[in-house]
C-alpha atoms as a PDB file:
ATOM      1  CA  MET A   1       0.012  -0.007  -0.100  1.00  0.00           C
ATOM      2  CA  THR A   2       1.050   3.600  -0.566  1.00  0.00           C
ATOM      3  CA  VAL A   3       1.258   5.977   2.374  1.00  0.00           C
ATOM      4  CA  ASP A   4       1.093   9.807   1.926  1.00  0.00           C
ATOM      5  CA  LEU A   5       2.812  11.448   4.929  1.00  0.00           C
ATOM      6  CA  PRO A   6       2.210  14.763   6.168  1.00  0.00           C
ATOM      7  CA  SER A   7       5.580  15.884   5.270  1.00  0.00           C
ATOM      8  CA  GLY A   8       4.758  15.374   1.594  1.00  0.00           C
ATOM      9  CA  LYS A   9       6.842  12.199   1.295  1.00  0.00           C
ATOM     10  CA  THR A  10       5.210   9.035  -0.139  1.00  0.00           C
ATOM     11  CA  THR A  11       6.375   5.644   1.254  1.00  0.00           C
ATOM     12  CA  THR A  12       4.967   2.103   1.279  1.00  0.00           C
ATOM     13  CA  GLY A  13       3.891  -0.303   4.178  1.00  0.00           C
ATOM     14  CA  THR A  14       1.653  -3.102   5.317  1.00  0.00           C
ATOM     15  CA  ILE A  15      -1.090  -3.182   7.611  1.00  0.00           C
ATOM     16  CA  SER A  16      -0.186  -4.796  10.812  1.00  0.00           C
ATOM     17  CA  GLY A  17      -3.198  -3.929  12.936  1.00  0.00           C
ATOM     18  CA  VAL A  18      -6.808  -2.794  12.724  1.00  0.00           C
ATOM     19  CA  GLY A  19      -8.968  -1.468  15.399  1.00  0.00           C
ATOM     20  CA  ALA A  20     -12.697  -1.334  15.875  1.00  0.00           C
ATOM     21  CA  PRO A  21     -14.608   1.259  13.746  1.00  0.00           C
ATOM     22  CA  GLU A  22     -15.524   4.486  15.571  1.00  0.00           C
ATOM     23  CA  GLN A  23     -18.335   7.035  14.741  1.00  0.00           C
ATOM     24  CA  VAL A  24     -16.844  10.478  14.739  1.00  0.00           C
ATOM     25  CA  ASP A  25     -18.484  13.962  14.522  1.00  0.00           C
ATOM     26  CA  GLN A  26     -16.481  16.109  12.059  1.00  0.00           C
ATOM     27  CA  ASN A  27     -18.053  19.572  11.592  1.00  0.00           C
ATOM     28  CA  GLY A  28     -21.610  18.403  12.044  1.00  0.00           C
ATOM     29  CA  THR A  29     -21.093  15.279   9.834  1.00  0.00           C
ATOM     30  CA  LYS A  30     -20.860  11.791  11.152  1.00  0.00           C
ATOM     31  CA  THR A  31     -18.256   9.639   9.538  1.00  0.00           C
ATOM     32  CA  VAL A  32     -17.037   6.327  10.437  1.00  0.00           C
ATOM     33  CA  VAL A  33     -13.083   6.061  11.211  1.00  0.00           C
ATOM     34  CA  VAL A  34     -11.331   2.805  11.336  1.00  0.00           C
ATOM     35  CA  PRO A  35      -7.939   3.051  13.240  1.00  0.00           C
ATOM     36  CA  VAL A  36      -5.288   1.087  11.300  1.00  0.00           C
ATOM     37  CA  THR A  37      -1.712   0.398  12.351  1.00  0.00           C
ATOM     38  CA  ILE A  38       0.659   0.522   9.332  1.00  0.00           C
ATOM     39  CA  SER A  39       4.198  -0.740   9.383  1.00  0.00           C
ATOM     40  CA  LEU A  40       6.316   1.349   6.988  1.00  0.00           C
ATOM     41  CA  ASP A  41       8.628  -0.614   4.754  1.00  0.00           C
ATOM     42  CA  HIS A  42      11.110   2.338   5.272  1.00  0.00           C
ATOM     43  CA  PRO A  43      10.650   3.725   8.681  1.00  0.00           C
ATOM     44  CA  SER A  44      13.076   6.452   8.291  1.00  0.00           C
ATOM     45  CA  ASP A  45      10.836   8.095   5.727  1.00  0.00           C
ATOM     46  CA  ALA A  46       8.453   9.036   8.686  1.00  0.00           C
ATOM     47  CA  GLY A  47      11.186  10.910  10.424  1.00  0.00           C
ATOM     48  CA  SER A  48      10.311  11.623  14.035  1.00  0.00           C
ATOM     49  CA  LEU A  49       6.444  10.889  13.513  1.00  0.00           C
ATOM     50  CA  GLN A  50       5.097   8.147  15.941  1.00  0.00           C
ATOM     51  CA  GLN A  51       1.522   8.763  15.155  1.00  0.00           C
ATOM     52  CA  ALA A  52      -0.200  10.720  12.446  1.00  0.00           C
ATOM     53  CA  SER A  53      -3.352  11.064  10.202  1.00  0.00           C
ATOM     54  CA  VAL A  54      -2.231  10.088   6.643  1.00  0.00           C
ATOM     55  CA  LEU A  55      -3.830   9.309   3.389  1.00  0.00           C
ATOM     56  CA  VAL A  56      -3.626   5.642   2.474  1.00  0.00           C
ATOM     57  CA  ASP A  57      -4.044   4.159  -0.942  1.00  0.00           C
ATOM     58  CA  PHE A  58      -4.344   0.461  -1.207  1.00  0.00           C
ATOM     59  CA  PRO A  59      -5.662  -1.928  -3.976  1.00  0.00           C
ATOM     60  CA  THR A  60      -8.799  -3.655  -3.227  1.00  0.00           C
ATOM     61  CA  ALA A  61      -7.969  -6.556  -5.546  1.00  0.00           C
ATOM     62  CA  SER A  62      -5.029  -7.326  -7.926  1.00  0.00           C
ATOM     63  CA  ARG A  63      -4.489  -9.947 -10.488  1.00  0.00           C
ATOM     64  CA  LYS A  64      -1.319 -11.026 -12.276  1.00  0.00           C
ATOM     65  CA  ASN A  65      -1.276 -11.872 -16.013  1.00  0.00           C
ATOM     66  CA  VAL A  66      -4.902 -10.583 -16.535  1.00  0.00           C
ATOM     67  CA  LEU A  67      -5.941  -9.292 -19.965  1.00  0.00           C
ATOM     68  CA  THR A  68      -8.327  -6.415 -19.483  1.00  0.00           C
ATOM     69  CA  VAL A  69     -10.560  -5.059 -22.114  1.00  0.00           C
ATOM     70  CA  PRO A  70     -11.580  -1.270 -22.007  1.00  0.00           C
ATOM     71  CA  PRO A  71     -15.337  -0.678 -21.886  1.00  0.00           C
ATOM     72  CA  ALA A  72     -15.086   1.289 -25.300  1.00  0.00           C
ATOM     73  CA  VAL A  73     -13.528  -1.609 -27.025  1.00  0.00           C
ATOM     74  CA  PHE A  74     -16.126  -3.867 -25.652  1.00  0.00           C
ATOM     75  CA  ALA A  75     -18.921  -1.501 -26.918  1.00  0.00           C
ATOM     76  CA  ALA A  76     -17.254  -1.270 -30.325  1.00  0.00           C
ATOM     77  CA  GLY A  77     -17.298  -5.011 -30.700  1.00  0.00           C
ATOM     78  CA  ILE A  78     -20.759  -5.245 -29.893  1.00  0.00           C
ATOM     79  CA  GLY A  79     -21.509  -2.392 -32.409  1.00  0.00           C
ATOM     80  CA  ALA A  80     -19.456  -4.168 -35.222  1.00  0.00           C
ATOM     81  CA  THR A  81     -21.249  -7.326 -34.661  1.00  0.00           C
ATOM     82  CA  LEU A  82     -24.627  -5.555 -34.913  1.00  0.00           C
ATOM     83  CA  LEU A  83     -23.481  -3.678 -38.097  1.00  0.00           C
ATOM     84  CA  ILE A  84     -22.116  -6.861 -39.760  1.00  0.00           C
ATOM     85  CA  GLY A  85     -25.372  -8.838 -38.918  1.00  0.00           C
ATOM     86  CA  ALA A  86     -27.474  -6.156 -40.478  1.00  0.00           C
ATOM     87  CA  VAL A  87     -25.498  -5.899 -43.726  1.00  0.00           C
ATOM     88  CA  ALA A  88     -25.512  -9.677 -43.972  1.00  0.00           C
ATOM     89  CA  GLY A  89     -29.063  -9.805 -43.503  1.00  0.00           C
ATOM     90  CA  LEU A  90     -30.167  -6.815 -45.645  1.00  0.00           C
ATOM     91  CA  TYR A  91     -27.909  -7.317 -48.508  1.00  0.00           C
ATOM     92  CA  PRO A  92     -29.616 -10.652 -49.657  1.00  0.00           C
ATOM     93  CA  ALA A  93     -33.116  -9.179 -48.774  1.00  0.00           C
ATOM     94  CA  ILE A  94     -32.702  -6.187 -50.920  1.00  0.00           C
ATOM     95  CA  ARG A  95     -31.421  -8.164 -53.872  1.00  0.00           C
ATOM     96  CA  VAL A  96     -34.379 -10.399 -53.854  1.00  0.00           C
ATOM     97  CA  ALA A  97     -36.820  -7.360 -53.412  1.00  0.00           C
ATOM     98  CA  ILE A  98     -35.674  -5.885 -56.716  1.00  0.00           C
ATOM     99  CA  ILE A  99     -35.963  -9.030 -58.770  1.00  0.00           C
ATOM    100  CA  PRO A 100     -39.340  -9.563 -60.160  1.00  0.00           C
ATOM    101  CA  PRO A 101     -41.073 -12.755 -58.878  1.00  0.00           C
ATOM    102  CA  THR A 102     -41.379 -14.176 -62.156  1.00  0.00           C
ATOM    103  CA  ALA A 103     -37.636 -13.764 -62.936  1.00  0.00           C
ATOM    104  CA  SER A 104     -36.802 -15.651 -59.813  1.00  0.00           C
ATOM    105  CA  LEU A 105     -39.137 -18.395 -60.748  1.00  0.00           C
ATOM    106  CA  ASN A 106     -37.700 -18.899 -64.189  1.00  0.00           C
ATOM    107  CA  ALA A 107     -34.116 -19.241 -62.912  1.00  0.00           C
END
């Protein structure tokens, strides 16, 4: 996980403990705060800090060797499929529509 320290530095760490959630009133707005203890990978990055409120970015899930498809590409694939299907169905129908019925019976 990534930790943004009050000094402006960014470092990495791992969660070593999670406390009980607490409901806190901040400026008239109630929020839930979960105390978390983080062991920094490089403790010297924190300087003399022993305890501080920090911003933490951590992945909710990660996978290795996964192919991702952007939503725009997925939508374009569906659109292309519909267009090809429409052309494949309409082209023969239009050809048949312009041939007189007697000509197609004679063939």
